[in-house]
Amino acid sequence: MTATAWDFPDPHILKVRVQAGDIDLMQHTNNVVYLRWLEEIAWDHSRHLGLDEAAYERLGHGMVARRHELDYLLPTHLGEEIWLATWILRSDRLSIRRGYQFLRPGDGATVFRGRTHWVCVDIKEGRVRRMPAEFQAAYVSPLQIEET
């Protein structure tokens, strides 16, 4: 896939294949599967940045979804390979905004776009807190895309 196919430069990419359990009555990937894929690619990217589940527990902080924006552009079907891409679009002391784009490499079509506003919380109290220094260092955004 060429770099020009992506909405932003240098995406973090995870490749998946549509499984039988992903298919709904309409014979395409069910919408809730895309939400699961958002979480899978976000965790994969966080681990790549050095923040896995154990780091969250050690630091006593985690990121939780405050808001999702999901745009289903084209259906996907059983057996198709889908490339999930994510970027940290914006970050501040309390939160990050993550963008997603899913491509079908067979024809280069973008099948999905989404955004999530993730906020940092204290795991024990469940309250919004400033991101620890480790989070701020890992979740930095070179893009700093303004909200649309």
C-alpha atoms as a PDB file:
ATOM      1  CA  MET A   1       0.000   0.000   0.000  1.00  0.00           C
ATOM      2  CA  THR A   2       1.421   3.354  -0.937  1.00  0.00           C
ATOM      3  CA  ALA A   3       1.874   6.124   1.592  1.00  0.00           C
ATOM      4  CA  THR A   4      -0.565   8.306  -0.357  1.00  0.00           C
ATOM      5  CA  ALA A   5      -3.420   5.908   0.436  1.00  0.00           C
ATOM      6  CA  TRP A   6      -3.315   6.904   4.112  1.00  0.00           C
ATOM      7  CA  ASP A   7      -4.989  10.013   5.505  1.00  0.00           C
ATOM      8  CA  PHE A   8      -1.874  10.936   7.514  1.00  0.00           C
ATOM      9  CA  PRO A   9       1.793   9.933   7.344  1.00  0.00           C
ATOM     10  CA  ASP A  10       3.397   7.045   9.245  1.00  0.00           C
ATOM     11  CA  PRO A  11       0.390   5.080  10.476  1.00  0.00           C
ATOM     12  CA  HIS A  12       0.626   2.242  12.948  1.00  0.00           C
ATOM     13  CA  ILE A  13      -0.837  -0.720  11.040  1.00  0.00           C
ATOM     14  CA  LEU A  14      -2.400  -4.002  12.131  1.00  0.00           C
ATOM     15  CA  LYS A  15      -3.576  -6.519   9.521  1.00  0.00           C
ATOM     16  CA  VAL A  16      -6.740  -8.541  10.178  1.00  0.00           C
ATOM     17  CA  ARG A  17      -8.907 -10.921   8.181  1.00  0.00           C
ATOM     18  CA  VAL A  18     -12.710 -10.916   8.354  1.00  0.00           C
ATOM     19  CA  GLN A  19     -13.760 -14.114  10.140  1.00  0.00           C
ATOM     20  CA  ALA A  20     -17.040 -16.060   9.975  1.00  0.00           C
ATOM     21  CA  GLY A  21     -18.062 -14.756  13.421  1.00  0.00           C
ATOM     22  CA  ASP A  22     -17.679 -11.173  12.167  1.00  0.00           C
ATOM     23  CA  ILE A  23     -20.426 -11.553   9.548  1.00  0.00           C
ATOM     24  CA  ASP A  24     -24.004 -10.471  10.214  1.00  0.00           C
ATOM     25  CA  LEU A  25     -27.375 -11.164   8.595  1.00  0.00           C
ATOM     26  CA  MET A  26     -26.557  -8.694   5.811  1.00  0.00           C
ATOM     27  CA  GLN A  27     -23.559 -10.888   4.878  1.00  0.00           C
ATOM     28  CA  HIS A  28     -20.972  -8.229   5.689  1.00  0.00           C
ATOM     29  CA  THR A  29     -18.862  -7.337   8.708  1.00  0.00           C
ATOM     30  CA  ASN A  30     -21.096  -6.343  11.602  1.00  0.00           C
ATOM     31  CA  ASN A  31     -20.694  -2.761  12.811  1.00  0.00           C
ATOM     32  CA  VAL A  32     -19.678  -3.826  16.338  1.00  0.00           C
ATOM     33  CA  VAL A  33     -16.662  -5.650  14.873  1.00  0.00           C
ATOM     34  CA  TYR A  34     -15.275  -2.295  13.733  1.00  0.00           C
ATOM     35  CA  LEU A  35     -15.498  -1.043  17.316  1.00  0.00           C
ATOM     36  CA  ARG A  36     -13.598  -4.140  18.474  1.00  0.00           C
ATOM     37  CA  TRP A  37     -10.980  -3.442  15.789  1.00  0.00           C
ATOM     38  CA  LEU A  38     -10.620   0.139  17.080  1.00  0.00           C
ATOM     39  CA  GLU A  39      -9.719  -1.219  20.492  1.00  0.00           C
ATOM     40  CA  GLU A  40      -7.384  -3.861  19.038  1.00  0.00           C
ATOM     41  CA  ILE A  41      -5.399  -1.361  16.963  1.00  0.00           C
ATOM     42  CA  ALA A  42      -5.319   1.192  19.813  1.00  0.00           C
ATOM     43  CA  TRP A  43      -3.906  -1.423  22.216  1.00  0.00           C
ATOM     44  CA  ASP A  44      -1.462  -2.696  19.591  1.00  0.00           C
ATOM     45  CA  HIS A  45      -0.209   0.860  19.065  1.00  0.00           C
ATOM     46  CA  SER A  46       0.008   1.540  22.814  1.00  0.00           C
ATOM     47  CA  ARG A  47       2.051  -1.642  23.313  1.00  0.00           C
ATOM     48  CA  HIS A  48       4.299  -0.571  20.443  1.00  0.00           C
ATOM     49  CA  LEU A  49       4.812   2.755  22.267  1.00  0.00           C
ATOM     50  CA  GLY A  50       5.778   0.886  25.466  1.00  0.00           C
ATOM     51  CA  LEU A  51       2.476   1.177  27.327  1.00  0.00           C
ATOM     52  CA  ASP A  52       0.955  -2.249  27.789  1.00  0.00           C
ATOM     53  CA  GLU A  53      -1.628  -3.425  30.308  1.00  0.00           C
ATOM     54  CA  ALA A  54       1.083  -4.040  32.933  1.00  0.00           C
ATOM     55  CA  ALA A  55       2.359  -0.464  32.544  1.00  0.00           C
ATOM     56  CA  TYR A  56      -1.167   0.870  33.065  1.00  0.00           C
ATOM     57  CA  GLU A  57      -1.475  -1.178  36.259  1.00  0.00           C
ATOM     58  CA  ARG A  58       1.995  -0.160  37.484  1.00  0.00           C
ATOM     59  CA  LEU A  59       1.263   3.516  36.889  1.00  0.00           C
ATOM     60  CA  GLY A  60      -2.283   3.294  38.252  1.00  0.00           C
ATOM     61  CA  HIS A  61      -3.663   5.140  35.235  1.00  0.00           C
ATOM     62  CA  GLY A  62      -5.393   4.140  32.018  1.00  0.00           C
ATOM     63  CA  MET A  63      -7.059   5.598  28.997  1.00  0.00           C
ATOM     64  CA  VAL A  64     -10.820   5.224  28.558  1.00  0.00           C
ATOM     65  CA  ALA A  65     -12.999   6.156  25.607  1.00  0.00           C
ATOM     66  CA  ARG A  66     -15.069   9.271  26.125  1.00  0.00           C
ATOM     67  CA  ARG A  67     -16.392   9.580  22.563  1.00  0.00           C
ATOM     68  CA  HIS A  68     -16.271   7.620  19.310  1.00  0.00           C
ATOM     69  CA  GLU A  69     -17.023   8.905  15.813  1.00  0.00           C
ATOM     70  CA  LEU A  70     -17.536   6.027  13.378  1.00  0.00           C
ATOM     71  CA  ASP A  71     -17.972   6.334   9.622  1.00  0.00           C
ATOM     72  CA  TYR A  72     -18.745   3.085   7.823  1.00  0.00           C
ATOM     73  CA  LEU A  73     -17.856   3.762   4.192  1.00  0.00           C
ATOM     74  CA  LEU A  74     -17.945   0.393   2.403  1.00  0.00           C
ATOM     75  CA  PRO A  75     -18.917  -3.122   3.455  1.00  0.00           C
ATOM     76  CA  THR A  76     -16.302  -5.796   4.054  1.00  0.00           C
ATOM     77  CA  HIS A  77     -16.874  -9.509   3.614  1.00  0.00           C
ATOM     78  CA  LEU A  78     -15.808 -12.921   4.840  1.00  0.00           C
ATOM     79  CA  GLY A  79     -12.165 -13.687   4.165  1.00  0.00           C
ATOM     80  CA  GLU A  80     -11.117 -10.180   3.142  1.00  0.00           C
ATOM     81  CA  GLU A  81      -7.886  -8.806   4.537  1.00  0.00           C
ATOM     82  CA  ILE A  82      -8.296  -5.392   6.154  1.00  0.00           C
ATOM     83  CA  TRP A  83      -5.464  -3.092   7.199  1.00  0.00           C
ATOM     84  CA  LEU A  84      -6.250  -1.145  10.348  1.00  0.00           C
ATOM     85  CA  ALA A  85      -4.301   2.094  10.773  1.00  0.00           C
ATOM     86  CA  THR A  86      -4.179   4.546  13.643  1.00  0.00           C
ATOM     87  CA  TRP A  87      -2.530   7.814  14.560  1.00  0.00           C
ATOM     88  CA  ILE A  88      -2.510  10.024  17.607  1.00  0.00           C
ATOM     89  CA  LEU A  89      -3.995  13.159  16.092  1.00  0.00           C
ATOM     90  CA  ARG A  90      -3.810  15.399  19.132  1.00  0.00           C
ATOM     91  CA  SER A  91      -2.650  15.143  22.715  1.00  0.00           C
ATOM     92  CA  ASP A  92      -2.810  17.296  25.822  1.00  0.00           C
ATOM     93  CA  ARG A  93      -2.260  16.748  29.548  1.00  0.00           C
ATOM     94  CA  LEU A  94      -5.538  14.875  30.063  1.00  0.00           C
ATOM     95  CA  SER A  95      -6.361  13.148  26.811  1.00  0.00           C
ATOM     96  CA  ILE A  96      -5.555  12.065  23.297  1.00  0.00           C
ATOM     97  CA  ARG A  97      -7.556  12.031  20.112  1.00  0.00           C
ATOM     98  CA  ARG A  98      -6.858   9.009  17.991  1.00  0.00           C
ATOM     99  CA  GLY A  99      -7.756   8.671  14.318  1.00  0.00           C
ATOM    100  CA  TYR A 100      -8.407   5.442  12.449  1.00  0.00           C
ATOM    101  CA  GLN A 101      -8.574   4.440   8.818  1.00  0.00           C
ATOM    102  CA  PHE A 102      -9.271   0.900   7.612  1.00  0.00           C
ATOM    103  CA  LEU A 103      -8.233  -0.082   4.101  1.00  0.00           C
ATOM    104  CA  ARG A 104      -8.987  -3.092   1.956  1.00  0.00           C
ATOM    105  CA  PRO A 105      -5.616  -3.703   0.259  1.00  0.00           C
ATOM    106  CA  GLY A 106      -7.193  -5.791  -2.506  1.00  0.00           C
ATOM    107  CA  ASP A 107      -8.572  -2.662  -4.162  1.00  0.00           C
ATOM    108  CA  GLY A 108      -7.040   0.110  -2.017  1.00  0.00           C
ATOM    109  CA  ALA A 109     -10.458   1.271  -0.837  1.00  0.00           C
ATOM    110  CA  THR A 110     -10.924   3.005   2.497  1.00  0.00           C
ATOM    111  CA  VAL A 111     -13.780   1.100   4.125  1.00  0.00           C
ATOM    112  CA  PHE A 112     -13.945   2.917   7.469  1.00  0.00           C
ATOM    113  CA  ARG A 113     -12.789   6.075   9.248  1.00  0.00           C
ATOM    114  CA  GLY A 114     -13.151   6.899  12.893  1.00  0.00           C
ATOM    115  CA  ARG A 115     -11.934   8.987  15.793  1.00  0.00           C
ATOM    116  CA  THR A 116     -11.875   8.400  19.516  1.00  0.00           C
ATOM    117  CA  HIS A 117     -11.361  10.862  22.338  1.00  0.00           C
ATOM    118  CA  TRP A 118      -9.460   8.925  25.031  1.00  0.00           C
ATOM    119  CA  VAL A 119      -9.142  10.431  28.518  1.00  0.00           C
ATOM    120  CA  CYS A 120      -6.753   9.463  31.271  1.00  0.00           C
ATOM    121  CA  VAL A 121      -8.273   8.136  34.472  1.00  0.00           C
ATOM    122  CA  ASP A 122      -7.019   6.978  37.831  1.00  0.00           C
ATOM    123  CA  ILE A 123      -7.746   3.232  37.720  1.00  0.00           C
ATOM    124  CA  LYS A 124      -8.738   2.917  41.409  1.00  0.00           C
ATOM    125  CA  GLU A 125     -10.907   6.031  41.583  1.00  0.00           C
ATOM    126  CA  GLY A 126     -12.188   6.089  38.004  1.00  0.00           C
ATOM    127  CA  ARG A 127     -11.700   9.860  37.871  1.00  0.00           C
ATOM    128  CA  VAL A 128     -10.124  11.881  35.098  1.00  0.00           C
ATOM    129  CA  ARG A 129      -6.526  12.705  35.953  1.00  0.00           C
ATOM    130  CA  ARG A 130      -3.532  14.299  34.276  1.00  0.00           C
ATOM    131  CA  MET A 131      -1.574  11.773  32.235  1.00  0.00           C
ATOM    132  CA  PRO A 132       1.569  10.482  33.967  1.00  0.00           C
ATOM    133  CA  ALA A 133       4.847  11.588  32.400  1.00  0.00           C
ATOM    134  CA  GLU A 134       5.226   8.159  30.752  1.00  0.00           C
ATOM    135  CA  PHE A 135       1.867   8.585  29.022  1.00  0.00           C
ATOM    136  CA  GLN A 136       2.656  12.126  27.914  1.00  0.00           C
ATOM    137  CA  ALA A 137       5.985  10.974  26.441  1.00  0.00           C
ATOM    138  CA  ALA A 138       4.481   7.953  24.650  1.00  0.00           C
ATOM    139  CA  TYR A 139       1.249   9.531  23.454  1.00  0.00           C
ATOM    140  CA  VAL A 140       2.796  12.623  21.915  1.00  0.00           C
ATOM    141  CA  SER A 141       1.317  13.634  18.569  1.00  0.00           C
ATOM    142  CA  PRO A 142       3.539  15.010  15.837  1.00  0.00           C
ATOM    143  CA  LEU A 143       0.353  15.859  13.930  1.00  0.00           C
ATOM    144  CA  GLN A 144      -1.645  17.995  16.420  1.00  0.00           C
ATOM    145  CA  ILE A 145      -4.661  17.932  14.104  1.00  0.00           C
ATOM    146  CA  GLU A 146      -7.394  20.416  15.048  1.00  0.00           C
ATOM    147  CA  GLU A 147     -10.871  19.067  15.775  1.00  0.00           C
ATOM    148  CA  THR A 148     -13.316  19.159  12.892  1.00  0.00           C
END
